[in-house]
Amino acid sequence: MVATALLTQACASSAAEIEVCDGLYRYIDVEFMRARASKGCFAMGGLSAGSPLGWTWSSTPPNADVESIEEIATICHGQGPVSEVMVSHGRTIPRYRLIGKPHEFGNYVRPTGTDRQVACQSVSFTPPPSARRPTPEAIDRAGSFVFGPVREGPITSTPTTSIVAVERKLLQLYGVVQQPGMREAVWQLVGLRPVRCQEVDLGGFRCLMDGEDLSLFLAARGLVRPHTSAPLRIHAAFDRAPAPVAAKPLSAAERAQQRKCVSLADAVSRSRRRAEIRGADDGRLAEAQARYNITCTGSGP
């Protein structure tokens, strides 16, 4: 089967093992799965790669010297009645992040639309040069991979300097942690400004504000601190940042205007969700958006 088509020249000193099931390979993307631990994925013992939480299906052979593989689906170990949960699909994953999932005797798959079972097998391969971890500079140049639904709209609150609320959802900005005592300064700087956010595969959300990375924007002003796993550019921006300055108190009128705009932004989010559920806009979304634009941006509908 596929086992015989893989590698014939794998030497015992450098060969690795991977499980293959009906032509699909099971990889482990440890860094990605660790970031899913708080989203319903649970660690399973018995595997050596830091108790991985799940695996990634791909048709890309493990001996292919390519910079990335094409993900069919990444599955995590759930708990309760749902033992397996798909957490992403369609990503392009850097080869260096992946190792082969060891074969477990008795594993099988059932091809879609059939009643037959296909037993999984173990095959040996020699990791290609692309499986070696590149330099931190090369990883930083590659950037973060974003996926999942887009959350787009004004920032309606900043519970901490590294968390923003967009479309009534709290989003942890990727690569940064909060700077104590600077929450009000962040709110006055970015509050009610429109952003476009997507989840980053290694945890958190990448938000663009006027095309600029919000994590980088705040780090360059000393209003957030880099996480230990943050890209080098965020560390560099924070190192060059001036000492953060606390925000000046707002007037009562300014605070009242902000509260009104937050309420109007929430009305837009509710109308958008209602339109998505119904599959059509009954006019409320356009009206809510117009009210927000006139009151808070100074523009018409």
Protein backbone atom coordinates (compact mmCIF):
# COMPACT_ATOMS: atom_id res chain seq x y z
CA MET A 1 0.00 0.00 0.00
CA VAL A 2 1.29 3.50 0.76
CA ALA A 3 3.82 2.00 3.11
CA THR A 4 5.78 0.48 0.25
CA ALA A 5 5.66 3.69 -1.73
CA LEU A 6 7.28 5.85 0.91
CA LEU A 7 11.00 5.45 1.50
CA THR A 8 13.30 2.61 0.74
CA GLN A 9 16.52 4.36 1.70
CA ALA A 10 15.70 5.36 5.30
CA CYS A 11 18.66 4.63 7.49
CA ALA A 12 18.12 3.33 11.01
CA SER A 13 20.08 6.14 12.65
CA SER A 14 17.84 8.97 11.33
CA ALA A 15 14.58 7.27 10.41
CA ALA A 16 11.34 8.34 12.04
CA GLU A 17 7.90 6.74 12.12
CA ILE A 18 4.51 8.05 11.10
CA GLU A 19 1.04 6.57 10.93
CA VAL A 20 -0.63 6.45 7.51
CA CYS A 21 -4.31 5.67 7.03
CA ASP A 22 -5.81 5.21 3.56
CA GLY A 23 -3.21 7.46 1.94
CA LEU A 24 -3.38 10.19 4.59
CA TYR A 25 -0.60 10.88 7.07
CA ARG A 26 -1.08 11.77 10.73
CA TYR A 27 1.23 14.56 11.81
CA ILE A 28 1.50 16.30 15.17
CA ASP A 29 1.65 20.10 15.22
CA VAL A 30 2.63 20.46 18.87
CA GLU A 31 2.85 24.26 19.02
CA PHE A 32 -0.56 24.70 17.41
CA MET A 33 -2.25 22.14 19.66
CA ARG A 34 -0.81 23.62 22.84
CA ALA A 35 -2.54 26.87 21.96
CA ARG A 36 -5.85 24.97 21.70
CA ALA A 37 -5.67 23.57 25.24
CA SER A 38 -8.18 26.12 26.53
CA LYS A 39 -10.61 25.49 23.67
CA GLY A 40 -11.89 22.03 24.45
CA CYS A 41 -8.78 20.03 23.57
CA PHE A 42 -7.25 17.77 26.19
CA ALA A 43 -3.84 16.12 26.46
CA MET A 44 -3.50 12.38 25.99
CA GLY A 45 -0.62 10.40 27.46
CA GLY A 46 1.54 7.84 25.72
CA LEU A 47 3.10 10.03 23.05
CA SER A 48 6.53 11.56 23.38
CA ALA A 49 5.92 14.99 21.81
CA GLY A 50 4.96 16.84 24.96
CA SER A 51 1.58 15.14 25.40
CA PRO A 52 0.11 16.33 22.08
CA LEU A 53 -3.56 17.19 22.10
CA GLY A 54 -4.39 15.83 18.66
CA TRP A 55 -3.12 15.35 15.14
CA THR A 56 -3.15 16.84 11.65
CA TRP A 57 -4.26 14.93 8.55
CA SER A 58 -2.36 15.66 5.34
CA SER A 59 -1.71 13.95 2.02
CA THR A 60 1.79 15.47 1.86
CA PRO A 61 4.34 12.65 2.35
CA PRO A 62 6.64 13.13 5.35
CA ASN A 63 9.77 12.63 3.24
CA ALA A 64 8.85 15.43 0.80
CA ASP A 65 11.43 18.24 1.06
CA VAL A 66 8.89 21.08 1.10
CA GLU A 67 8.65 24.18 3.27
CA SER A 68 5.03 23.47 4.21
CA ILE A 69 2.32 20.85 4.03
CA GLU A 70 -1.33 21.27 3.12
CA GLU A 71 -3.65 20.54 6.04
CA ILE A 72 -6.81 18.57 5.36
CA ALA A 73 -7.99 18.81 8.97
CA THR A 74 -6.56 19.08 12.46
CA ILE A 75 -8.35 17.02 15.09
CA CYS A 76 -8.09 17.42 18.85
CA HIS A 77 -9.03 15.06 21.64
CA GLY A 78 -12.30 16.20 23.15
CA GLN A 79 -14.00 15.12 26.35
CA GLY A 80 -17.40 13.63 27.02
CA PRO A 81 -19.72 12.54 24.18
CA VAL A 82 -17.58 14.33 21.55
CA SER A 83 -14.22 12.56 21.63
CA GLU A 84 -12.78 14.21 18.51
CA VAL A 85 -13.20 17.85 17.49
CA MET A 86 -12.00 19.47 14.25
CA VAL A 87 -10.24 22.72 15.16
CA SER A 88 -8.98 23.86 11.76
CA HIS A 89 -8.75 22.91 8.11
CA GLY A 90 -7.06 24.23 4.98
CA ARG A 91 -4.01 25.74 6.67
CA THR A 92 -0.57 25.73 5.08
CA ILE A 93 1.67 24.52 7.93
CA PRO A 94 5.46 25.02 8.11
CA ARG A 95 7.17 21.65 7.77
CA TYR A 96 9.56 22.26 10.66
CA ARG A 97 6.67 22.37 13.15
CA LEU A 98 5.49 18.86 12.36
CA ILE A 99 6.52 15.43 13.56
CA GLY A 100 5.00 12.10 12.69
CA LYS A 101 2.33 10.68 14.97
CA PRO A 102 3.46 7.19 16.08
CA HIS A 103 1.35 4.27 14.92
CA GLU A 104 -1.10 2.76 17.40
CA PHE A 105 -2.11 -0.85 16.81
CA GLY A 106 -5.79 -1.21 16.00
CA ASN A 107 -6.29 2.26 14.53
CA TYR A 108 -8.40 2.39 11.40
CA VAL A 109 -10.35 4.86 9.26
CA ARG A 110 -13.63 4.55 7.43
CA PRO A 111 -13.48 6.29 4.01
CA THR A 112 -16.26 8.81 3.52
CA GLY A 113 -19.38 7.34 1.97
CA THR A 114 -18.35 3.71 2.50
CA ASP A 115 -18.88 1.02 5.11
CA ARG A 116 -15.40 -0.45 4.80
CA GLN A 117 -12.64 -0.05 7.33
CA VAL A 118 -9.02 0.59 6.35
CA ALA A 119 -6.35 -0.32 8.87
CA CYS A 120 -3.67 2.28 9.62
CA GLN A 121 -0.03 1.33 9.17
CA SER A 122 3.35 2.50 10.39
CA VAL A 123 5.93 3.65 7.86
CA SER A 124 9.51 4.82 8.24
CA PHE A 125 10.88 7.99 6.69
CA THR A 126 13.95 10.17 6.90
CA PRO A 127 13.04 13.75 7.91
CA PRO A 128 13.96 16.09 5.04
CA PRO A 129 16.07 19.26 5.48
CA SER A 130 12.87 21.31 5.58
CA ALA A 131 11.94 19.57 8.83
CA ARG A 132 14.79 21.35 10.63
CA ARG A 133 13.76 24.43 12.58
CA PRO A 134 14.89 27.62 10.82
CA THR A 135 16.49 30.60 12.54
CA PRO A 136 14.28 32.90 14.66
CA GLU A 137 14.82 35.63 12.04
CA ALA A 138 13.48 33.39 9.27
CA ILE A 139 10.45 32.44 11.38
CA ASP A 140 9.79 36.10 12.11
CA ARG A 141 9.94 37.03 8.41
CA ALA A 142 7.39 34.32 7.61
CA GLY A 143 4.86 36.00 9.89
CA SER A 144 1.87 34.53 11.69
CA PHE A 145 -0.70 32.35 9.98
CA VAL A 146 -4.26 33.58 10.52
CA PHE A 147 -7.36 31.48 10.00
CA GLY A 148 -11.00 31.20 10.96
CA PRO A 149 -13.80 33.75 10.77
CA VAL A 150 -13.05 37.45 10.51
CA ARG A 151 -14.24 39.69 13.34
CA GLU A 152 -14.55 43.21 12.09
CA GLY A 153 -15.82 46.38 13.75
CA PRO A 154 -14.95 49.04 16.31
CA ILE A 155 -13.20 48.21 19.56
CA THR A 156 -15.91 48.58 22.18
CA SER A 157 -13.86 47.91 25.32
CA THR A 158 -10.36 47.11 26.55
CA PRO A 159 -10.66 44.91 29.68
CA THR A 160 -6.84 44.83 29.80
CA THR A 161 -4.19 46.40 27.61
CA SER A 162 -3.80 43.15 25.64
CA ILE A 163 -7.51 42.21 25.31
CA VAL A 164 -9.99 44.03 23.08
CA ALA A 165 -13.70 43.54 22.54
CA VAL A 166 -14.83 43.36 18.90
CA GLU A 167 -18.36 42.34 17.89
CA ARG A 168 -19.11 41.60 21.56
CA LYS A 169 -16.24 39.07 21.73
CA LEU A 170 -13.14 39.39 23.90
CA LEU A 171 -10.01 38.82 21.83
CA GLN A 172 -6.56 38.26 23.31
CA LEU A 173 -4.02 39.98 21.05
CA TYR A 174 -1.35 37.59 19.88
CA GLY A 175 2.24 37.92 21.08
CA VAL A 176 1.59 40.36 23.93
CA VAL A 177 0.51 40.46 27.56
CA GLN A 178 -0.92 43.34 29.56
CA GLN A 179 1.00 46.31 30.90
CA PRO A 180 -0.35 47.09 34.40
CA GLY A 181 -1.89 50.52 34.90
CA MET A 182 -2.18 51.36 31.19
CA ARG A 183 -5.69 50.11 30.39
CA GLU A 184 -7.24 53.59 30.23
CA ALA A 185 -4.39 54.83 28.03
CA VAL A 186 -5.03 51.98 25.57
CA TRP A 187 -8.76 52.67 25.54
CA GLN A 188 -8.28 56.37 24.82
CA LEU A 189 -5.86 55.48 22.01
CA VAL A 190 -7.78 52.69 20.25
CA GLY A 191 -11.31 52.77 21.69
CA LEU A 192 -14.05 52.73 19.00
CA ARG A 193 -11.47 52.55 16.22
CA PRO A 194 -12.32 49.91 13.57
CA VAL A 195 -10.21 46.75 13.43
CA ARG A 196 -10.20 43.52 11.46
CA CYS A 197 -9.22 40.47 13.53
CA GLN A 198 -8.51 36.80 12.85
CA GLU A 199 -7.19 34.02 15.03
CA VAL A 200 -3.48 33.22 14.84
CA ASP A 201 -2.60 29.54 14.68
CA LEU A 202 -0.20 29.75 17.63
CA GLY A 203 -2.67 31.53 19.89
CA GLY A 204 -4.41 34.87 20.19
CA PHE A 205 -5.82 37.18 17.53
CA ARG A 206 -4.09 39.36 14.98
CA CYS A 207 -5.97 42.63 14.63
CA LEU A 208 -5.26 45.19 11.93
CA MET A 209 -6.09 48.83 12.63
CA ASP A 210 -5.75 51.00 9.52
CA GLY A 211 -3.67 48.16 8.10
CA GLU A 212 -1.25 48.16 11.06
CA ASP A 213 -0.78 45.23 13.43
CA LEU A 214 -2.41 46.28 16.70
CA SER A 215 -0.05 44.16 18.84
CA LEU A 216 2.92 45.90 17.23
CA PHE A 217 1.21 49.31 17.48
CA LEU A 218 0.72 48.97 21.25
CA ALA A 219 4.14 47.41 21.89
CA ALA A 220 5.83 50.34 20.12
CA ARG A 221 4.19 52.65 22.67
CA GLY A 222 5.05 50.52 25.69
CA LEU A 223 1.37 49.85 26.42
CA VAL A 224 1.73 46.04 26.25
CA ARG A 225 4.63 43.72 26.97
CA PRO A 226 5.85 40.99 24.60
CA HIS A 227 4.98 37.40 25.42
CA THR A 228 8.03 35.13 25.58
CA SER A 229 6.92 33.55 22.27
CA ALA A 230 6.25 36.89 20.55
CA PRO A 231 7.78 37.58 17.13
CA LEU A 232 11.12 39.37 17.17
CA ARG A 233 9.58 42.52 15.69
CA ILE A 234 7.29 42.89 18.72
CA HIS A 235 10.21 42.44 21.12
CA ALA A 236 12.23 45.01 19.14
CA ALA A 237 9.35 47.51 19.07
CA PHE A 238 8.87 47.22 22.84
CA ASP A 239 12.60 47.59 23.51
CA ARG A 240 12.61 50.88 21.55
CA ALA A 241 9.38 52.18 23.07
CA PRO A 242 9.34 55.24 25.35
CA ALA A 243 8.11 54.92 28.90
CA PRO A 244 4.30 54.69 28.78
CA VAL A 245 2.34 57.67 30.04
CA ALA A 246 -0.92 57.33 31.96
CA ALA A 247 -4.03 58.68 30.25
CA LYS A 248 -5.48 62.07 31.08
CA PRO A 249 -8.98 61.96 32.60
CA LEU A 250 -11.84 62.45 30.14
CA SER A 251 -14.56 65.01 30.65
CA ALA A 252 -18.07 63.89 31.57
CA ALA A 253 -19.26 64.79 28.06
CA GLU A 254 -16.50 62.73 26.43
CA ARG A 255 -17.31 59.70 28.57
CA ALA A 256 -21.02 60.04 27.79
CA GLN A 257 -20.24 60.15 24.07
CA GLN A 258 -18.08 57.04 24.34
CA ARG A 259 -20.80 55.15 26.21
CA LYS A 260 -23.34 56.11 23.54
CA CYS A 261 -21.06 54.97 20.72
CA VAL A 262 -20.35 51.66 22.45
CA SER A 263 -24.11 51.08 22.74
CA LEU A 264 -24.62 51.92 19.06
CA ALA A 265 -21.73 49.63 18.04
CA ASP A 266 -23.31 46.78 20.03
CA ALA A 267 -26.59 47.41 18.19
CA VAL A 268 -24.76 47.03 14.87
CA SER A 269 -23.25 43.72 16.03
CA ARG A 270 -26.63 42.39 17.16
CA SER A 271 -28.27 43.38 13.86
CA ARG A 272 -25.46 41.76 11.87
CA ARG A 273 -25.81 38.47 13.75
CA ARG A 274 -29.57 38.57 13.29
CA ALA A 275 -29.10 39.10 9.55
CA GLU A 276 -26.61 36.21 9.35
CA ILE A 277 -29.00 33.85 11.15
CA ARG A 278 -31.94 34.80 8.93
CA GLY A 279 -29.82 34.84 5.78
CA ALA A 280 -31.04 38.34 4.90
CA ASP A 281 -31.05 41.88 6.28
CA ASP A 282 -34.49 43.18 7.23
CA GLY A 283 -33.22 46.76 7.18
CA ARG A 284 -32.23 46.94 10.84
CA LEU A 285 -28.52 46.47 10.12
CA ALA A 286 -28.42 49.37 7.67
CA GLU A 287 -30.32 51.58 10.13
CA ALA A 288 -28.06 50.64 13.06
CA GLN A 289 -24.94 51.22 10.97
CA ALA A 290 -26.22 54.62 9.81
CA ARG A 291 -26.92 55.72 13.39
CA TYR A 292 -23.44 54.67 14.45
CA ASN A 293 -21.79 56.41 11.49
CA ILE A 294 -23.64 59.71 12.04
CA THR A 295 -23.09 59.81 15.80
CA CYS A 296 -19.62 58.35 16.11
CA THR A 297 -17.73 58.80 12.84
CA GLY A 298 -19.28 61.99 11.50
CA SER A 299 -20.17 60.31 8.21
CA GLY A 300 -23.49 59.49 6.61
CA PRO A 301 -25.00 56.04 6.00
